[in-house]
């Protein structure tokens, strides 16, 4: 069996003209923290996976460990939403950032907690 890599390539698609930034994120590192270290400013408020401020959405296949999130639902995963402040990569990823409004709307439609909406 092939061992898991210790880090993954994560492409962040920022809202400014779909600007793309590529970073390397450690297997046990939160994506938001790695972006911050790389000088990429992303929204965040609680850093607990609760408020949805840091929400992103997978733009393609990939797997994110959200076990550090206070509130994260199977419907979030099924719709491709990730919480960057508590998400850890388990594969290479491409993520659209600044998806807090979209994730809140998704949560409201699914009758789930949507803080700060």
N, C-alpha and C. Protein backbone atom coordinates (compact mmCIF):
# COMPACT_ATOMS: atom_id res chain seq x y z
N UNK A 1 0.85 -1.19 0.00
CA UNK A 1 0.00 0.00 0.00
C UNK A 1 0.89 1.24 0.00
N UNK A 2 0.53 2.20 -0.81
CA UNK A 2 1.29 3.45 -0.96
C UNK A 2 1.00 4.38 0.23
N UNK A 3 2.03 4.93 0.90
CA UNK A 3 1.78 5.82 2.04
C UNK A 3 1.17 7.14 1.61
N UNK A 4 0.41 7.74 2.51
CA UNK A 4 -0.19 9.04 2.24
C UNK A 4 0.89 10.10 2.17
N UNK A 5 0.76 11.04 1.24
CA UNK A 5 1.71 12.16 1.20
C UNK A 5 1.58 13.01 2.46
N UNK A 6 2.63 13.72 2.78
CA UNK A 6 2.59 14.58 3.97
C UNK A 6 2.06 15.97 3.64
N UNK A 7 1.95 16.31 2.37
CA UNK A 7 1.44 17.62 1.97
C UNK A 7 0.76 17.51 0.61
N UNK A 8 -0.16 18.44 0.37
CA UNK A 8 -0.92 18.41 -0.88
C UNK A 8 -0.92 19.79 -1.53
N UNK A 9 -0.97 19.81 -2.86
CA UNK A 9 -1.09 21.04 -3.63
C UNK A 9 -2.54 21.51 -3.55
N UNK A 10 -2.74 22.75 -3.14
CA UNK A 10 -4.08 23.33 -3.06
C UNK A 10 -4.09 24.61 -3.89
N UNK A 11 -4.98 24.65 -4.87
CA UNK A 11 -5.15 25.85 -5.69
C UNK A 11 -6.35 26.60 -5.15
N UNK A 12 -6.13 27.85 -4.77
CA UNK A 12 -7.20 28.72 -4.27
C UNK A 12 -7.61 29.65 -5.40
N UNK A 13 -8.89 29.62 -5.75
CA UNK A 13 -9.42 30.50 -6.79
C UNK A 13 -10.07 31.67 -6.07
N UNK A 14 -9.42 32.82 -6.14
CA UNK A 14 -9.87 34.03 -5.45
C UNK A 14 -10.86 34.80 -6.31
N UNK A 15 -11.73 35.60 -5.69
CA UNK A 15 -12.78 36.28 -6.46
C UNK A 15 -12.28 37.38 -7.39
N UNK A 16 -11.10 37.89 -7.19
CA UNK A 16 -10.59 38.97 -8.04
C UNK A 16 -10.17 38.41 -9.39
N UNK A 17 -11.07 38.52 -10.37
CA UNK A 17 -10.80 38.04 -11.73
C UNK A 17 -10.38 36.58 -11.75
N UNK A 18 -10.93 35.78 -10.84
CA UNK A 18 -10.59 34.36 -10.74
C UNK A 18 -9.08 34.14 -10.62
N UNK A 19 -8.44 35.03 -9.86
CA UNK A 19 -7.01 34.91 -9.58
C UNK A 19 -6.75 33.59 -8.88
N UNK A 20 -5.77 32.83 -9.35
CA UNK A 20 -5.45 31.54 -8.76
C UNK A 20 -4.12 31.61 -8.03
N UNK A 21 -4.11 31.06 -6.83
CA UNK A 21 -2.88 30.97 -6.03
C UNK A 21 -2.71 29.53 -5.60
N UNK A 22 -1.52 28.99 -5.82
CA UNK A 22 -1.24 27.61 -5.47
C UNK A 22 -0.35 27.56 -4.24
N UNK A 23 -0.73 26.73 -3.26
CA UNK A 23 0.04 26.58 -2.03
C UNK A 23 0.18 25.10 -1.72
N UNK A 24 1.18 24.78 -0.92
CA UNK A 24 1.38 23.44 -0.42
C UNK A 24 0.86 23.42 1.01
N UNK A 25 -0.03 22.47 1.32
CA UNK A 25 -0.66 22.40 2.64
C UNK A 25 -0.36 21.05 3.26
N UNK A 26 0.20 21.08 4.46
CA UNK A 26 0.52 19.86 5.17
C UNK A 26 -0.73 19.07 5.51
N UNK A 27 -0.57 17.77 5.61
CA UNK A 27 -1.68 16.86 5.90
C UNK A 27 -2.41 17.22 7.20
N UNK A 28 -1.69 17.71 8.19
CA UNK A 28 -2.30 18.06 9.47
C UNK A 28 -2.40 19.58 9.67
N UNK A 29 -2.36 20.32 8.57
CA UNK A 29 -2.43 21.78 8.61
C UNK A 29 -3.78 22.24 8.07
N UNK A 30 -4.34 23.25 8.70
CA UNK A 30 -5.58 23.82 8.18
C UNK A 30 -5.26 24.66 6.94
N UNK A 31 -6.13 24.58 5.96
CA UNK A 31 -5.91 25.27 4.69
C UNK A 31 -5.79 26.77 4.90
N UNK A 32 -6.65 27.35 5.75
CA UNK A 32 -6.60 28.79 6.02
C UNK A 32 -5.24 29.19 6.57
N UNK A 33 -4.69 28.41 7.51
CA UNK A 33 -3.39 28.72 8.10
C UNK A 33 -2.27 28.70 7.06
N UNK A 34 -2.30 27.72 6.17
CA UNK A 34 -1.29 27.64 5.12
C UNK A 34 -1.39 28.83 4.18
N UNK A 35 -2.62 29.23 3.86
CA UNK A 35 -2.81 30.40 2.99
C UNK A 35 -2.26 31.65 3.68
N UNK A 36 -2.56 31.80 4.95
CA UNK A 36 -2.07 32.96 5.71
C UNK A 36 -0.54 33.01 5.71
N UNK A 37 0.09 31.87 5.93
CA UNK A 37 1.57 31.81 5.90
C UNK A 37 2.13 32.20 4.54
N UNK A 38 1.34 31.92 3.49
CA UNK A 38 1.77 32.25 2.12
C UNK A 38 1.42 33.68 1.74
N UNK A 39 0.82 34.44 2.67
CA UNK A 39 0.49 35.83 2.40
C UNK A 39 -0.84 36.04 1.70
N UNK A 40 -1.69 35.02 1.70
CA UNK A 40 -2.99 35.11 1.06
C UNK A 40 -4.02 35.47 2.13
N UNK A 41 -4.71 36.57 1.93
CA UNK A 41 -5.70 37.03 2.91
C UNK A 41 -7.06 36.43 2.56
N UNK A 42 -7.56 35.60 3.47
CA UNK A 42 -8.88 34.99 3.30
C UNK A 42 -9.76 35.39 4.48
N UNK A 43 -11.06 35.46 4.28
CA UNK A 43 -11.94 35.82 5.40
C UNK A 43 -12.00 34.70 6.43
N UNK A 44 -12.12 35.09 7.68
CA UNK A 44 -12.32 34.14 8.78
C UNK A 44 -12.73 34.95 10.00
N UNK A 45 -13.47 34.32 10.87
CA UNK A 45 -13.91 35.00 12.08
C UNK A 45 -13.67 34.12 13.30
N UNK A 46 -14.31 32.97 13.35
CA UNK A 46 -14.26 32.16 14.58
C UNK A 46 -13.11 31.17 14.63
N UNK A 47 -12.59 30.73 13.50
CA UNK A 47 -11.54 29.71 13.43
C UNK A 47 -11.92 28.43 14.17
N UNK A 48 -13.22 28.11 14.17
CA UNK A 48 -13.70 26.90 14.81
C UNK A 48 -14.58 26.07 13.87
N UNK A 49 -14.81 26.55 12.67
CA UNK A 49 -15.71 25.83 11.77
C UNK A 49 -17.15 25.97 12.17
N UNK A 50 -17.52 27.15 12.59
CA UNK A 50 -18.89 27.39 13.06
C UNK A 50 -19.56 28.51 12.26
N UNK A 51 -18.88 29.62 12.03
CA UNK A 51 -19.55 30.83 11.55
C UNK A 51 -19.72 30.90 10.02
N UNK A 52 -19.04 30.06 9.26
CA UNK A 52 -19.10 29.99 7.79
C UNK A 52 -18.37 31.13 7.08
N UNK A 53 -17.76 32.03 7.80
CA UNK A 53 -17.06 33.16 7.17
C UNK A 53 -15.95 32.70 6.22
N UNK A 54 -15.30 31.60 6.55
CA UNK A 54 -14.16 31.11 5.76
C UNK A 54 -14.56 30.16 4.65
N UNK A 55 -15.85 29.98 4.40
CA UNK A 55 -16.34 28.95 3.48
C UNK A 55 -15.72 29.04 2.10
N UNK A 56 -15.44 27.87 1.56
CA UNK A 56 -14.99 27.71 0.19
C UNK A 56 -15.80 26.60 -0.44
N UNK A 57 -15.57 26.37 -1.73
CA UNK A 57 -16.28 25.28 -2.41
C UNK A 57 -15.32 24.58 -3.35
N UNK A 58 -15.30 23.27 -3.27
CA UNK A 58 -14.43 22.50 -4.15
C UNK A 58 -14.80 22.77 -5.60
N UNK A 59 -13.79 22.99 -6.39
CA UNK A 59 -13.96 23.23 -7.82
C UNK A 59 -13.30 22.04 -8.52
N UNK A 60 -13.94 20.90 -8.38
CA UNK A 60 -13.38 19.66 -8.90
C UNK A 60 -13.32 18.62 -7.79
N UNK A 61 -12.74 17.47 -8.10
CA UNK A 61 -12.69 16.40 -7.10
C UNK A 61 -11.72 16.74 -5.98
N UNK A 62 -11.87 16.05 -4.86
CA UNK A 62 -10.95 16.24 -3.75
C UNK A 62 -11.59 15.82 -2.45
N UNK A 63 -10.75 15.70 -1.45
CA UNK A 63 -11.21 15.27 -0.14
C UNK A 63 -10.60 16.15 0.93
N UNK A 64 -11.45 16.64 1.84
CA UNK A 64 -11.02 17.51 2.92
C UNK A 64 -11.50 16.91 4.24
N UNK A 65 -10.61 16.83 5.21
CA UNK A 65 -10.96 16.36 6.55
C UNK A 65 -11.51 17.55 7.33
N UNK A 66 -12.78 17.50 7.69
CA UNK A 66 -13.43 18.58 8.44
C UNK A 66 -13.68 18.18 9.89
N UNK A 67 -12.94 17.21 10.41
CA UNK A 67 -13.19 16.72 11.77
C UNK A 67 -12.90 17.76 12.85
N UNK A 68 -12.15 18.82 12.53
CA UNK A 68 -11.90 19.88 13.51
C UNK A 68 -13.01 20.93 13.54
N UNK A 69 -13.99 20.81 12.65
CA UNK A 69 -15.09 21.79 12.57
C UNK A 69 -16.13 21.54 13.65
N UNK A 70 -16.61 22.63 14.27
CA UNK A 70 -17.67 22.52 15.27
C UNK A 70 -18.98 22.10 14.61
N UNK A 71 -19.33 22.73 13.49
CA UNK A 71 -20.57 22.42 12.77
C UNK A 71 -20.25 22.18 11.30
N UNK A 72 -20.38 20.94 10.89
CA UNK A 72 -20.18 20.58 9.48
C UNK A 72 -21.08 19.37 9.22
N UNK A 73 -21.88 19.43 8.17
CA UNK A 73 -22.91 18.43 7.92
C UNK A 73 -22.62 17.62 6.65
N UNK A 74 -23.15 16.42 6.59
CA UNK A 74 -22.98 15.62 5.37
C UNK A 74 -23.46 16.36 4.12
N UNK A 75 -24.53 17.16 4.25
CA UNK A 75 -25.04 17.93 3.10
C UNK A 75 -24.01 18.95 2.63
N UNK A 76 -23.21 19.50 3.55
CA UNK A 76 -22.15 20.44 3.16
C UNK A 76 -21.14 19.72 2.28
N UNK A 77 -20.70 18.55 2.75
CA UNK A 77 -19.72 17.75 2.00
C UNK A 77 -20.26 17.37 0.63
N UNK A 78 -21.52 16.89 0.60
CA UNK A 78 -22.13 16.46 -0.66
C UNK A 78 -22.22 17.60 -1.68
N UNK A 79 -22.36 18.82 -1.19
CA UNK A 79 -22.46 19.99 -2.08
C UNK A 79 -21.10 20.63 -2.36
N UNK A 80 -20.04 20.07 -1.81
CA UNK A 80 -18.69 20.55 -2.10
C UNK A 80 -18.22 21.71 -1.24
N UNK A 81 -18.99 22.10 -0.23
CA UNK A 81 -18.57 23.21 0.63
C UNK A 81 -17.52 22.73 1.64
N UNK A 82 -16.55 23.59 1.90
CA UNK A 82 -15.51 23.31 2.88
C UNK A 82 -15.31 24.54 3.75
N UNK A 83 -14.88 24.31 4.97
CA UNK A 83 -14.54 25.40 5.89
C UNK A 83 -13.02 25.45 5.98
N UNK A 84 -12.45 26.49 5.39
CA UNK A 84 -11.00 26.57 5.23
C UNK A 84 -10.25 26.70 6.56
N UNK A 85 -10.90 27.29 7.57
CA UNK A 85 -10.21 27.50 8.85
C UNK A 85 -9.99 26.20 9.61
N UNK A 86 -10.78 25.17 9.31
CA UNK A 86 -10.65 23.90 10.03
C UNK A 86 -10.47 22.72 9.09
N UNK A 87 -10.42 22.96 7.80
CA UNK A 87 -10.27 21.88 6.83
C UNK A 87 -8.82 21.52 6.59
N UNK A 88 -8.55 20.21 6.56
CA UNK A 88 -7.21 19.70 6.27
C UNK A 88 -7.29 18.86 5.00
N UNK A 89 -6.38 19.08 4.06
CA UNK A 89 -6.45 18.35 2.79
C UNK A 89 -6.13 16.87 2.95
N UNK A 90 -6.79 16.07 2.14
CA UNK A 90 -6.49 14.64 2.05
C UNK A 90 -6.22 14.24 0.61
N UNK A 91 -6.15 15.27 -0.25
CA UNK A 91 -5.82 15.09 -1.66
C UNK A 91 -5.47 16.46 -2.21
N UNK A 92 -5.01 16.49 -3.45
CA UNK A 92 -4.82 17.77 -4.14
C UNK A 92 -6.21 18.39 -4.30
N UNK A 93 -6.28 19.72 -4.20
CA UNK A 93 -7.57 20.40 -4.22
C UNK A 93 -7.54 21.66 -5.08
N UNK A 94 -8.70 22.01 -5.57
CA UNK A 94 -8.94 23.31 -6.21
C UNK A 94 -10.19 23.84 -5.53
N UNK A 95 -10.07 25.02 -4.89
CA UNK A 95 -11.14 25.55 -4.05
C UNK A 95 -11.45 26.99 -4.43
N UNK A 96 -12.73 27.27 -4.65
CA UNK A 96 -13.19 28.65 -4.81
C UNK A 96 -13.36 29.23 -3.42
N UNK A 97 -12.72 30.34 -3.15
CA UNK A 97 -12.79 30.97 -1.84
C UNK A 97 -13.97 31.94 -1.78
N UNK A 98 -14.17 32.55 -0.62
CA UNK A 98 -15.21 33.58 -0.43
C UNK A 98 -16.61 33.07 -0.79
N UNK A 99 -16.95 31.91 -0.29
CA UNK A 99 -18.25 31.29 -0.58
C UNK A 99 -19.20 31.33 0.62
N UNK A 100 -18.96 32.25 1.55
CA UNK A 100 -19.78 32.29 2.76
C UNK A 100 -21.26 32.53 2.47
N UNK A 101 -21.59 33.41 1.57
CA UNK A 101 -23.01 33.67 1.26
C UNK A 101 -23.66 32.45 0.63
N UNK A 102 -22.94 31.80 -0.27
CA UNK A 102 -23.47 30.61 -0.93
C UNK A 102 -23.66 29.47 0.07
N UNK A 103 -22.72 29.30 0.99
CA UNK A 103 -22.85 28.23 1.98
C UNK A 103 -23.98 28.52 2.96
N UNK A 104 -24.12 29.77 3.35
CA UNK A 104 -25.24 30.13 4.24
C UNK A 104 -26.58 29.83 3.56
N UNK A 105 -26.71 30.20 2.30
CA UNK A 105 -27.95 29.94 1.57
C UNK A 105 -28.20 28.44 1.47
N UNK A 106 -27.16 27.68 1.20
CA UNK A 106 -27.26 26.22 1.15
C UNK A 106 -27.75 25.67 2.49
N UNK A 107 -27.18 26.16 3.57
CA UNK A 107 -27.59 25.71 4.90
C UNK A 107 -29.05 26.06 5.19
N UNK A 108 -29.46 27.26 4.85
CA UNK A 108 -30.85 27.68 5.09
C UNK A 108 -31.80 26.77 4.32
N UNK A 109 -31.48 26.49 3.06
CA UNK A 109 -32.33 25.63 2.25
C UNK A 109 -32.43 24.22 2.82
N UNK A 110 -31.38 23.78 3.52
CA UNK A 110 -31.36 22.44 4.11
C UNK A 110 -31.72 22.43 5.59
N UNK A 111 -32.22 23.56 6.07
CA UNK A 111 -32.65 23.70 7.47
C UNK A 111 -31.54 23.31 8.44
N UNK A 112 -30.38 23.88 8.22
CA UNK A 112 -29.22 23.67 9.08
C UNK A 112 -28.77 25.02 9.62
N UNK A 113 -27.95 24.97 10.66
CA UNK A 113 -27.44 26.19 11.27
C UNK A 113 -26.69 27.02 10.24
N UNK A 114 -27.03 28.31 10.15
CA UNK A 114 -26.39 29.22 9.20
C UNK A 114 -26.05 30.51 9.95
N UNK A 115 -25.06 30.47 10.83
CA UNK A 115 -24.74 31.64 11.66
C UNK A 115 -24.45 32.88 10.82
N UNK A 116 -24.76 34.02 11.41
CA UNK A 116 -24.49 35.35 10.84
C UNK A 116 -25.20 35.58 9.52
N UNK A 117 -26.28 34.86 9.25
CA UNK A 117 -26.97 35.01 7.96
C UNK A 117 -27.99 36.13 8.00
